Amino acid sequence: MPKFASTLKALIGKKEKLSEMARTTMNEHCSAVILNKLLRKLGDPEKFLIPCEFSGMDEFLALADLGASINLMPPSVWEGLSLPELTPTCMTLELADHSVSKP
């Protein structure tokens, strides 16, 4: 029997009043939600860079492969959605069948 079944039966049978059940003490987690004191989420960094250094070379930042997946759509679909203008970019795509495409 689910845990809430006995509670519902008690309410229906008027053994306990709903107002009494609605009162509960707040712990620190509840009060943080109510008082809006939760930490703000940080924005998406969009890219993950790792500082790299090799002997004889200047230090540089390397883009980490996080294994992210993307969805592609034809330009006609993009234009039909009235989205912002596209900007050209160079990338290498590894497709689901592990073939590589450099559009």
PDB file of N, CA and C in Angstrom:
ATOM      1  N   MET A   1       0.846  -1.177   0.000  1.00  0.00           N
ATOM      2  CA  MET A   1       0.000   0.000   0.000  1.00  0.00           C
ATOM      3  C   MET A   1       0.896   1.247   0.000  1.00  0.00           C
ATOM      4  N   PRO A   2       0.626   2.218  -0.895  1.00  0.00           N
ATOM      5  CA  PRO A   2       1.432   3.439  -0.926  1.00  0.00           C
ATOM      6  C   PRO A   2       1.361   4.190   0.397  1.00  0.00           C
ATOM      7  N   LYS A   3       2.416   4.942   0.688  1.00  0.00           N
ATOM      8  CA  LYS A   3       2.502   5.672   1.955  1.00  0.00           C
ATOM      9  C   LYS A   3       1.394   6.707   2.111  1.00  0.00           C
ATOM     10  N   PHE A   4       0.962   7.296   1.002  1.00  0.00           N
ATOM     11  CA  PHE A   4      -0.040   8.351   1.097  1.00  0.00           C
ATOM     12  C   PHE A   4      -1.455   7.815   1.246  1.00  0.00           C
ATOM     13  N   ALA A   5      -1.660   6.512   1.051  1.00  0.00           N
ATOM     14  CA  ALA A   5      -3.004   5.938   1.107  1.00  0.00           C
ATOM     15  C   ALA A   5      -3.631   6.111   2.485  1.00  0.00           C
ATOM     16  N   SER A   6      -2.864   5.866   3.533  1.00  0.00           N
ATOM     17  CA  SER A   6      -3.418   6.012   4.884  1.00  0.00           C
ATOM     18  C   SER A   6      -3.757   7.472   5.177  1.00  0.00           C
ATOM     19  N   THR A   7      -2.961   8.395   4.647  1.00  0.00           N
ATOM     20  CA  THR A   7      -3.236   9.821   4.837  1.00  0.00           C
ATOM     21  C   THR A   7      -4.538  10.207   4.147  1.00  0.00           C
ATOM     22  N   LEU A   8      -4.724   9.730   2.925  1.00  0.00           N
ATOM     23  CA  LEU A   8      -5.964  10.028   2.206  1.00  0.00           C
ATOM     24  C   LEU A   8      -7.165   9.422   2.912  1.00  0.00           C
ATOM     25  N   LYS A   9      -7.025   8.201   3.392  1.00  0.00           N
ATOM     26  CA  LYS A   9      -8.125   7.562   4.121  1.00  0.00           C
ATOM     27  C   LYS A   9      -8.472   8.351   5.373  1.00  0.00           C
ATOM     28  N   ALA A  10      -7.461   8.858   6.079  1.00  0.00           N
ATOM     29  CA  ALA A  10      -7.701   9.641   7.285  1.00  0.00           C
ATOM     30  C   ALA A  10      -8.422  10.945   6.955  1.00  0.00           C
ATOM     31  N   LEU A  11      -8.049  11.578   5.843  1.00  0.00           N
ATOM     32  CA  LEU A  11      -8.715  12.814   5.438  1.00  0.00           C
ATOM     33  C   LEU A  11     -10.164  12.561   5.057  1.00  0.00           C
ATOM     34  N   ILE A  12     -10.381  11.501   4.300  1.00  0.00           N
ATOM     35  CA  ILE A  12     -11.737  11.178   3.868  1.00  0.00           C
ATOM     36  C   ILE A  12     -12.601  10.818   5.075  1.00  0.00           C
ATOM     37  N   GLY A  13     -12.022  10.077   5.998  1.00  0.00           N
ATOM     38  CA  GLY A  13     -12.754   9.678   7.200  1.00  0.00           C
ATOM     39  C   GLY A  13     -12.837  10.782   8.239  1.00  0.00           C
ATOM     40  N   LYS A  14     -12.303  11.969   7.943  1.00  0.00           N
ATOM     41  CA  LYS A  14     -12.311  13.141   8.828  1.00  0.00           C
ATOM     42  C   LYS A  14     -11.670  12.836  10.176  1.00  0.00           C
ATOM     43  N   LYS A  15     -10.740  11.907  10.194  1.00  0.00           N
ATOM     44  CA  LYS A  15     -10.027  11.617  11.431  1.00  0.00           C
ATOM     45  C   LYS A  15      -9.004  12.709  11.723  1.00  0.00           C
ATOM     46  N   GLU A  16      -8.483  13.296  10.678  1.00  0.00           N
ATOM     47  CA  GLU A  16      -7.528  14.387  10.836  1.00  0.00           C
ATOM     48  C   GLU A  16      -7.990  15.542   9.960  1.00  0.00           C
ATOM     49  N   LYS A  17      -7.849  16.731  10.448  1.00  0.00           N
ATOM     50  CA  LYS A  17      -8.254  17.899   9.673  1.00  0.00           C
ATOM     51  C   LYS A  17      -7.127  18.304   8.729  1.00  0.00           C
ATOM     52  N   LEU A  18      -7.518  18.737   7.558  1.00  0.00           N
ATOM     53  CA  LEU A  18      -6.534  19.133   6.552  1.00  0.00           C
ATOM     54  C   LEU A  18      -5.662  20.283   7.043  1.00  0.00           C
ATOM     55  N   SER A  19      -6.239  21.233   7.763  1.00  0.00           N
ATOM     56  CA  SER A  19      -5.456  22.384   8.231  1.00  0.00           C
ATOM     57  C   SER A  19      -4.368  21.952   9.205  1.00  0.00           C
ATOM     58  N   GLU A  20      -4.646  20.925  10.006  1.00  0.00           N
ATOM     59  CA  GLU A  20      -3.632  20.432  10.933  1.00  0.00           C
ATOM     60  C   GLU A  20      -2.493  19.761  10.175  1.00  0.00           C
ATOM     61  N   MET A  21      -2.850  19.065   9.115  1.00  0.00           N
ATOM     62  CA  MET A  21      -1.825  18.376   8.328  1.00  0.00           C
ATOM     63  C   MET A  21      -1.011  19.357   7.501  1.00  0.00           C
ATOM     64  N   ALA A  22      -1.590  20.508   7.168  1.00  0.00           N
ATOM     65  CA  ALA A  22      -0.896  21.476   6.326  1.00  0.00           C
ATOM     66  C   ALA A  22       0.205  22.198   7.087  1.00  0.00           C
ATOM     67  N   ARG A  23       0.124  22.216   8.396  1.00  0.00           N
ATOM     68  CA  ARG A  23       1.155  22.881   9.193  1.00  0.00           C
ATOM     69  C   ARG A  23       2.361  21.965   9.331  1.00  0.00           C
ATOM     70  N   THR A  24       3.489  22.507   8.996  1.00  0.00           N
ATOM     71  CA  THR A  24       4.723  21.743   9.132  1.00  0.00           C
ATOM     72  C   THR A  24       5.848  22.699   9.506  1.00  0.00           C
ATOM     73  N   THR A  25       6.789  22.203  10.229  1.00  0.00           N
ATOM     74  CA  THR A  25       7.918  23.054  10.587  1.00  0.00           C
ATOM     75  C   THR A  25       8.864  23.154   9.396  1.00  0.00           C
ATOM     76  N   MET A  26       9.442  24.323   9.240  1.00  0.00           N
ATOM     77  CA  MET A  26      10.359  24.525   8.122  1.00  0.00           C
ATOM     78  C   MET A  26      11.785  24.296   8.579  1.00  0.00           C
ATOM     79  N   ASN A  27      12.509  23.551   7.782  1.00  0.00           N
ATOM     80  CA  ASN A  27      13.934  23.404   8.054  1.00  0.00           C
ATOM     81  C   ASN A  27      14.687  24.416   7.194  1.00  0.00           C
ATOM     82  N   GLU A  28      16.002  24.385   7.244  1.00  0.00           N
ATOM     83  CA  GLU A  28      16.798  25.381   6.518  1.00  0.00           C
ATOM     84  C   GLU A  28      16.609  25.308   5.010  1.00  0.00           C
ATOM     85  N   HIS A  29      16.316  24.117   4.477  1.00  0.00           N
ATOM     86  CA  HIS A  29      16.142  23.980   3.031  1.00  0.00           C
ATOM     87  C   HIS A  29      14.829  24.615   2.585  1.00  0.00           C
ATOM     88  N   CYS A  30      13.758  24.397   3.342  1.00  0.00           N
ATOM     89  CA  CYS A  30      12.466  24.988   2.992  1.00  0.00           C
ATOM     90  C   CYS A  30      12.522  26.503   3.063  1.00  0.00           C
ATOM     91  N   SER A  31      13.091  27.033   4.125  1.00  0.00           N
ATOM     92  CA  SER A  31      13.129  28.480   4.275  1.00  0.00           C
ATOM     93  C   SER A  31      14.000  29.125   3.195  1.00  0.00           C
ATOM     94  N   ALA A  32      15.035  28.444   2.744  1.00  0.00           N
ATOM     95  CA  ALA A  32      15.878  28.992   1.675  1.00  0.00           C
ATOM     96  C   ALA A  32      15.081  29.131   0.389  1.00  0.00           C
ATOM     97  N   VAL A  33      14.225  28.162   0.101  1.00  0.00           N
ATOM     98  CA  VAL A  33      13.408  28.222  -1.110  1.00  0.00           C
ATOM     99  C   VAL A  33      12.391  29.351  -0.996  1.00  0.00           C
ATOM    100  N   ILE A  34      11.719  29.434   0.150  1.00  0.00           N
ATOM    101  CA  ILE A  34      10.685  30.451   0.337  1.00  0.00           C
ATOM    102  C   ILE A  34      11.278  31.858   0.349  1.00  0.00           C
ATOM    103  N   LEU A  35      12.398  32.031   0.999  1.00  0.00           N
ATOM    104  CA  LEU A  35      13.016  33.353   1.098  1.00  0.00           C
ATOM    105  C   LEU A  35      13.891  33.696  -0.106  1.00  0.00           C
ATOM    106  N   ASN A  36      13.936  32.808  -1.085  1.00  0.00           N
ATOM    107  CA  ASN A  36      14.694  33.028  -2.319  1.00  0.00           C
ATOM    108  C   ASN A  36      16.178  33.229  -2.030  1.00  0.00           C
ATOM    109  N   LYS A  37      16.729  32.445  -1.128  1.00  0.00           N
ATOM    110  CA  LYS A  37      18.134  32.572  -0.765  1.00  0.00           C
ATOM    111  C   LYS A  37      18.998  31.502  -1.423  1.00  0.00           C
ATOM    112  N   LEU A  38      18.468  30.832  -2.426  1.00  0.00           N
ATOM    113  CA  LEU A  38      19.252  29.816  -3.116  1.00  0.00           C
ATOM    114  C   LEU A  38      20.313  30.488  -3.979  1.00  0.00           C
ATOM    115  N   LEU A  39      21.411  29.816  -4.187  1.00  0.00           N
ATOM    116  CA  LEU A  39      22.471  30.352  -5.032  1.00  0.00           C
ATOM    117  C   LEU A  39      21.988  30.456  -6.469  1.00  0.00           C
ATOM    118  N   ARG A  40      22.406  31.490  -7.137  1.00  0.00           N
ATOM    119  CA  ARG A  40      22.035  31.658  -8.541  1.00  0.00           C
ATOM    120  C   ARG A  40      22.866  30.721  -9.405  1.00  0.00           C
ATOM    121  N   LYS A  41      22.224  30.170 -10.431  1.00  0.00           N
ATOM    122  CA  LYS A  41      22.940  29.294 -11.348  1.00  0.00           C
ATOM    123  C   LYS A  41      23.829  30.138 -12.249  1.00  0.00           C
ATOM    124  N   LEU A  42      24.993  29.618 -12.529  1.00  0.00           N
ATOM    125  CA  LEU A  42      25.901  30.307 -13.435  1.00  0.00           C
ATOM    126  C   LEU A  42      25.500  30.011 -14.867  1.00  0.00           C
ATOM    127  N   GLY A  43      25.847  30.897 -15.762  1.00  0.00           N
ATOM    128  CA  GLY A  43      25.528  30.698 -17.166  1.00  0.00           C
ATOM    129  C   GLY A  43      26.384  29.608 -17.796  1.00  0.00           C
ATOM    130  N   ASP A  44      25.989  29.174 -18.965  1.00  0.00           N
ATOM    131  CA  ASP A  44      26.719  28.158 -19.708  1.00  0.00           C
ATOM    132  C   ASP A  44      28.003  28.774 -20.257  1.00  0.00           C
ATOM    133  N   PRO A  45      29.184  28.212 -19.931  1.00  0.00           N
ATOM    134  CA  PRO A  45      30.435  28.784 -20.435  1.00  0.00           C
ATOM    135  C   PRO A  45      30.610  28.584 -21.936  1.00  0.00           C
ATOM    136  N   GLU A  46      29.766  27.773 -22.568  1.00  0.00           N
ATOM    137  CA  GLU A  46      29.741  27.501 -24.000  1.00  0.00           C
ATOM    138  C   GLU A  46      30.949  26.733 -24.513  1.00  0.00           C
ATOM    139  N   LYS A  47      32.095  26.856 -23.885  1.00  0.00           N
ATOM    140  CA  LYS A  47      33.264  26.093 -24.307  1.00  0.00           C
ATOM    141  C   LYS A  47      34.115  25.796 -23.085  1.00  0.00           C
ATOM    142  N   PHE A  48      34.856  24.734 -23.160  1.00  0.00           N
ATOM    143  CA  PHE A  48      35.658  24.295 -22.032  1.00  0.00           C
ATOM    144  C   PHE A  48      37.112  24.313 -22.466  1.00  0.00           C
ATOM    145  N   LEU A  49      37.887  25.283 -21.972  1.00  0.00           N
ATOM    146  CA  LEU A  49      39.277  25.455 -22.384  1.00  0.00           C
ATOM    147  C   LEU A  49      40.224  24.956 -21.303  1.00  0.00           C
ATOM    148  N   ILE A  50      41.276  24.272 -21.735  1.00  0.00           N
ATOM    149  CA  ILE A  50      42.285  23.747 -20.824  1.00  0.00           C
ATOM    150  C   ILE A  50      43.609  24.422 -21.152  1.00  0.00           C
ATOM    151  N   PRO A  51      44.267  25.042 -20.155  1.00  0.00           N
ATOM    152  CA  PRO A  51      45.582  25.627 -20.439  1.00  0.00           C
ATOM    153  C   PRO A  51      46.603  24.524 -20.721  1.00  0.00           C
ATOM    154  N   CYS A  52      47.362  24.666 -21.802  1.00  0.00           N
ATOM    155  CA  CYS A  52      48.368  23.667 -22.190  1.00  0.00           C
ATOM    156  C   CYS A  52      49.724  24.345 -22.345  1.00  0.00           C
ATOM    157  N   GLU A  53      50.758  23.595 -22.022  1.00  0.00           N
ATOM    158  CA  GLU A  53      52.107  24.130 -22.163  1.00  0.00           C
ATOM    159  C   GLU A  53      53.029  22.988 -22.576  1.00  0.00           C
ATOM    160  N   PHE A  54      53.750  23.197 -23.675  1.00  0.00           N
ATOM    161  CA  PHE A  54      54.735  22.229 -24.153  1.00  0.00           C
ATOM    162  C   PHE A  54      56.087  22.928 -24.183  1.00  0.00           C
ATOM    163  N   SER A  55      57.140  22.189 -23.907  1.00  0.00           N
ATOM    164  CA  SER A  55      58.463  22.812 -23.910  1.00  0.00           C
ATOM    165  C   SER A  55      58.778  23.359 -25.300  1.00  0.00           C
ATOM    166  N   GLY A  56      59.313  24.556 -25.326  1.00  0.00           N
ATOM    167  CA  GLY A  56      59.667  25.191 -26.590  1.00  0.00           C
ATOM    168  C   GLY A  56      58.500  25.892 -27.266  1.00  0.00           C
ATOM    169  N   MET A  57      57.336  25.888 -26.650  1.00  0.00           N
ATOM    170  CA  MET A  57      56.162  26.536 -27.250  1.00  0.00           C
ATOM    171  C   MET A  57      55.524  27.480 -26.235  1.00  0.00           C
ATOM    172  N   ASP A  58      54.808  28.456 -26.742  1.00  0.00           N
ATOM    173  CA  ASP A  58      54.068  29.357 -25.858  1.00  0.00           C
ATOM    174  C   ASP A  58      52.889  28.613 -25.236  1.00  0.00           C
ATOM    175  N   GLU A  59      52.483  29.075 -24.073  1.00  0.00           N
ATOM    176  CA  GLU A  59      51.306  28.480 -23.430  1.00  0.00           C
ATOM    177  C   GLU A  59      50.066  28.862 -24.236  1.00  0.00           C
ATOM    178  N   PHE A  60      49.134  27.945 -24.356  1.00  0.00           N
ATOM    179  CA  PHE A  60      47.917  28.216 -25.109  1.00  0.00           C
ATOM    180  C   PHE A  60      46.747  27.490 -24.462  1.00  0.00           C
ATOM    181  N   LEU A  61      45.563  27.776 -24.945  1.00  0.00           N
ATOM    182  CA  LEU A  61      44.355  27.128 -24.442  1.00  0.00           C
ATOM    183  C   LEU A  61      43.868  26.119 -25.473  1.00  0.00           C
ATOM    184  N   ALA A  62      43.606  24.895 -25.024  1.00  0.00           N
ATOM    185  CA  ALA A  62      43.090  23.853 -25.912  1.00  0.00           C
ATOM    186  C   ALA A  62      41.618  23.627 -25.597  1.00  0.00           C
ATOM    187  N   LEU A  63      40.838  23.431 -26.626  1.00  0.00           N
ATOM    188  CA  LEU A  63      39.415  23.164 -26.459  1.00  0.00           C
ATOM    189  C   LEU A  63      39.225  21.693 -26.117  1.00  0.00           C
ATOM    190  N   ALA A  64      38.577  21.414 -25.009  1.00  0.00           N
ATOM    191  CA  ALA A  64      38.355  20.033 -24.578  1.00  0.00           C
ATOM    192  C   ALA A  64      37.170  19.437 -25.322  1.00  0.00           C
ATOM    193  N   ASP A  65      37.291  18.172 -25.677  1.00  0.00           N
ATOM    194  CA  ASP A  65      36.196  17.457 -26.321  1.00  0.00           C
ATOM    195  C   ASP A  65      35.318  16.872 -25.229  1.00  0.00           C
ATOM    196  N   LEU A  66      34.164  17.468 -25.019  1.00  0.00           N
ATOM    197  CA  LEU A  66      33.260  17.002 -23.976  1.00  0.00           C
ATOM    198  C   LEU A  66      32.274  15.963 -24.497  1.00  0.00           C
ATOM    199  N   GLY A  67      32.428  15.567 -25.745  1.00  0.00           N
ATOM    200  CA  GLY A  67      31.535  14.562 -26.311  1.00  0.00           C
ATOM    201  C   GLY A  67      30.119  15.071 -26.491  1.00  0.00           C
ATOM    202  N   ALA A  68      29.968  16.366 -26.674  1.00  0.00           N
ATOM    203  CA  ALA A  68      28.631  16.935 -26.819  1.00  0.00           C
ATOM    204  C   ALA A  68      28.044  16.548 -28.167  1.00  0.00           C
ATOM    205  N   SER A  69      26.751  16.405 -28.201  1.00  0.00           N
ATOM    206  CA  SER A  69      26.086  16.092 -29.460  1.00  0.00           C
ATOM    207  C   SER A  69      25.318  17.328 -29.927  1.00  0.00           C
ATOM    208  N   ILE A  70      25.162  17.443 -31.233  1.00  0.00           N
ATOM    209  CA  ILE A  70      24.433  18.566 -31.811  1.00  0.00           C
ATOM    210  C   ILE A  70      23.397  18.026 -32.784  1.00  0.00           C
ATOM    211  N   ASN A  71      22.427  18.832 -33.085  1.00  0.00           N
ATOM    212  CA  ASN A  71      21.425  18.493 -34.088  1.00  0.00           C
ATOM    213  C   ASN A  71      21.605  19.444 -35.261  1.00  0.00           C
ATOM    214  N   LEU A  72      21.566  18.900 -36.460  1.00  0.00           N
ATOM    215  CA  LEU A  72      21.733  19.710 -37.665  1.00  0.00           C
ATOM    216  C   LEU A  72      20.388  19.907 -38.340  1.00  0.00           C
ATOM    217  N   MET A  73      20.248  21.041 -39.028  1.00  0.00           N
ATOM    218  CA  MET A  73      19.034  21.275 -39.804  1.00  0.00           C
ATOM    219  C   MET A  73      19.415  21.978 -41.099  1.00  0.00           C
ATOM    220  N   PRO A  74      18.647  21.751 -42.144  1.00  0.00           N
ATOM    221  CA  PRO A  74      18.924  22.427 -43.416  1.00  0.00           C
ATOM    222  C   PRO A  74      18.727  23.942 -43.267  1.00  0.00           C
ATOM    223  N   PRO A  75      19.486  24.727 -44.050  1.00  0.00           N
ATOM    224  CA  PRO A  75      19.333  26.193 -43.979  1.00  0.00           C
ATOM    225  C   PRO A  75      17.900  26.661 -44.242  1.00  0.00           C
ATOM    226  N   SER A  76      17.171  25.952 -45.093  1.00  0.00           N
ATOM    227  CA  SER A  76      15.791  26.363 -45.387  1.00  0.00           C
ATOM    228  C   SER A  76      14.912  26.285 -44.136  1.00  0.00           C
ATOM    229  N   VAL A  77      15.151  25.291 -43.293  1.00  0.00           N
ATOM    230  CA  VAL A  77      14.388  25.170 -42.044  1.00  0.00           C
ATOM    231  C   VAL A  77      14.754  26.323 -41.116  1.00  0.00           C
ATOM    232  N   TRP A  78      16.057  26.643 -41.030  1.00  0.00           N
ATOM    233  CA  TRP A  78      16.525  27.753 -40.188  1.00  0.00           C
ATOM    234  C   TRP A  78      15.839  29.050 -40.607  1.00  0.00           C
ATOM    235  N   GLU A  79      15.819  29.306 -41.903  1.00  0.00           N
ATOM    236  CA  GLU A  79      15.216  30.539 -42.410  1.00  0.00           C
ATOM    237  C   GLU A  79      13.715  30.566 -42.143  1.00  0.00           C
ATOM    238  N   GLY A  80      13.063  29.413 -42.247  1.00  0.00           N
ATOM    239  CA  GLY A  80      11.626  29.334 -41.991  1.00  0.00           C
ATOM    240  C   GLY A  80      11.264  29.614 -40.546  1.00  0.00           C
ATOM    241  N   LEU A  81      12.203  29.427 -39.634  1.00  0.00           N
ATOM    242  CA  LEU A  81      11.954  29.661 -38.212  1.00  0.00           C
ATOM    243  C   LEU A  81      12.220  31.106 -37.799  1.00  0.00           C
ATOM    244  N   SER A  82      12.654  31.938 -38.744  1.00  0.00           N
ATOM    245  CA  SER A  82      12.962  33.356 -38.480  1.00  0.00           C
ATOM    246  C   SER A  82      13.967  33.516 -37.347  1.00  0.00           C
ATOM    247  N   LEU A  83      15.021  32.718 -37.387  1.00  0.00           N
ATOM    248  CA  LEU A  83      16.081  32.787 -36.386  1.00  0.00           C
ATOM    249  C   LEU A  83      17.144  33.780 -36.836  1.00  0.00           C
ATOM    250  N   PRO A  84      18.063  34.186 -35.944  1.00  0.00           N
ATOM    251  CA  PRO A  84      19.106  35.151 -36.338  1.00  0.00           C
ATOM    252  C   PRO A  84      19.955  34.627 -37.498  1.00  0.00           C
ATOM    253  N   GLU A  85      20.632  35.551 -38.155  1.00  0.00           N
ATOM    254  CA  GLU A  85      21.461  35.189 -39.304  1.00  0.00           C
ATOM    255  C   GLU A  85      22.590  34.248 -38.876  1.00  0.00           C
ATOM    256  N   LEU A  86      22.876  33.262 -39.703  1.00  0.00           N
ATOM    257  CA  LEU A  86      23.939  32.299 -39.407  1.00  0.00           C
ATOM    258  C   LEU A  86      25.306  32.924 -39.636  1.00  0.00           C
ATOM    259  N   THR A  87      26.285  32.495 -38.859  1.00  0.00           N
ATOM    260  CA  THR A  87      27.663  32.930 -39.062  1.00  0.00           C
ATOM    261  C   THR A  87      28.499  31.711 -39.414  1.00  0.00           C
ATOM    262  N   PRO A  88      29.376  31.820 -40.402  1.00  0.00           N
ATOM    263  CA  PRO A  88      30.187  30.671 -40.808  1.00  0.00           C
ATOM    264  C   PRO A  88      31.146  30.243 -39.699  1.00  0.00           C
ATOM    265  N   THR A  89      31.395  28.950 -39.620  1.00  0.00           N
ATOM    266  CA  THR A  89      32.345  28.413 -38.655  1.00  0.00           C
ATOM    267  C   THR A  89      32.969  27.150 -39.227  1.00  0.00           C
ATOM    268  N   CYS A  90      34.178  26.847 -38.808  1.00  0.00           N
ATOM    269  CA  CYS A  90      34.856  25.626 -39.247  1.00  0.00           C
ATOM    270  C   CYS A  90      34.768  24.590 -38.136  1.00  0.00           C
ATOM    271  N   MET A  91      34.422  23.368 -38.498  1.00  0.00           N
ATOM    272  CA  MET A  91      34.355  22.307 -37.503  1.00  0.00           C
ATOM    273  C   MET A  91      34.482  20.955 -38.177  1.00  0.00           C
ATOM    274  N   THR A  92      34.789  19.971 -37.385  1.00  0.00           N
ATOM    275  CA  THR A  92      34.827  18.591 -37.851  1.00  0.00           C
ATOM    276  C   THR A  92      33.727  17.843 -37.123  1.00  0.00           C
ATOM    277  N   LEU A  93      32.869  17.173 -37.870  1.00  0.00           N
ATOM    278  CA  LEU A  93      31.760  16.442 -37.279  1.00  0.00           C
ATOM    279  C   LEU A  93      32.016  14.947 -37.356  1.00  0.00           C
ATOM    280  N   GLU A  94      31.868  14.267 -36.230  1.00  0.00           N
ATOM    281  CA  GLU A  94      31.911  12.808 -36.231  1.00  0.00           C
ATOM    282  C   GLU A  94      30.469  12.342 -36.144  1.00  0.00           C
ATOM    283  N   LEU A  95      30.009  11.658 -37.177  1.00  0.00           N
ATOM    284  CA  LEU A  95      28.619  11.243 -37.257  1.00  0.00           C
ATOM    285  C   LEU A  95      28.380   9.973 -36.451  1.00  0.00           C
ATOM    286  N   ALA A  96      27.112   9.602 -36.314  1.00  0.00           N
ATOM    287  CA  ALA A  96      26.742   8.449 -35.494  1.00  0.00           C
ATOM    288  C   ALA A  96      27.414   7.168 -35.967  1.00  0.00           C
ATOM    289  N   ASP A  97      27.661   7.060 -37.274  1.00  0.00           N
ATOM    290  CA  ASP A  97      28.319   5.851 -37.793  1.00  0.00           C
ATOM    291  C   ASP A  97      29.845   5.965 -37.731  1.00  0.00           C
ATOM    292  N   HIS A  98      30.338   6.949 -36.983  1.00  0.00           N
ATOM    293  CA  HIS A  98      31.764   7.218 -36.762  1.00  0.00           C
ATOM    294  C   HIS A  98      32.490   7.730 -38.001  1.00  0.00           C
ATOM    295  N   SER A  99      31.754   8.088 -39.050  1.00  0.00           N
ATOM    296  CA  SER A  99      32.394   8.737 -40.188  1.00  0.00           C
ATOM    297  C   SER A  99      32.623  10.203 -39.832  1.00  0.00           C
ATOM    298  N   VAL A 100      33.613  10.816 -40.476  1.00  0.00           N
ATOM    299  CA  VAL A 100      33.985  12.195 -40.168  1.00  0.00           C
ATOM    300  C   VAL A 100      33.646  13.075 -41.356  1.00  0.00           C
ATOM    301  N   SER A 101      33.045  14.225 -41.072  1.00  0.00           N
ATOM    302  CA  SER A 101      32.676  15.172 -42.110  1.00  0.00           C
ATOM    303  C   SER A 101      33.229  16.538 -41.740  1.00  0.00           C
ATOM    304  N   LYS A 102      33.798  17.241 -42.732  1.00  0.00           N
ATOM    305  CA  LYS A 102      34.308  18.596 -42.523  1.00  0.00           C
ATOM    306  C   LYS A 102      33.559  19.530 -43.461  1.00  0.00           C
ATOM    307  N   PRO A 103      32.383  19.988 -43.049  1.00  0.00           N
ATOM    308  CA  PRO A 103      31.576  20.835 -43.948  1.00  0.00           C
ATOM    309  C   PRO A 103      32.207  22.199 -44.165  1.00  0.00           C
TER     310      PRO A 103
END
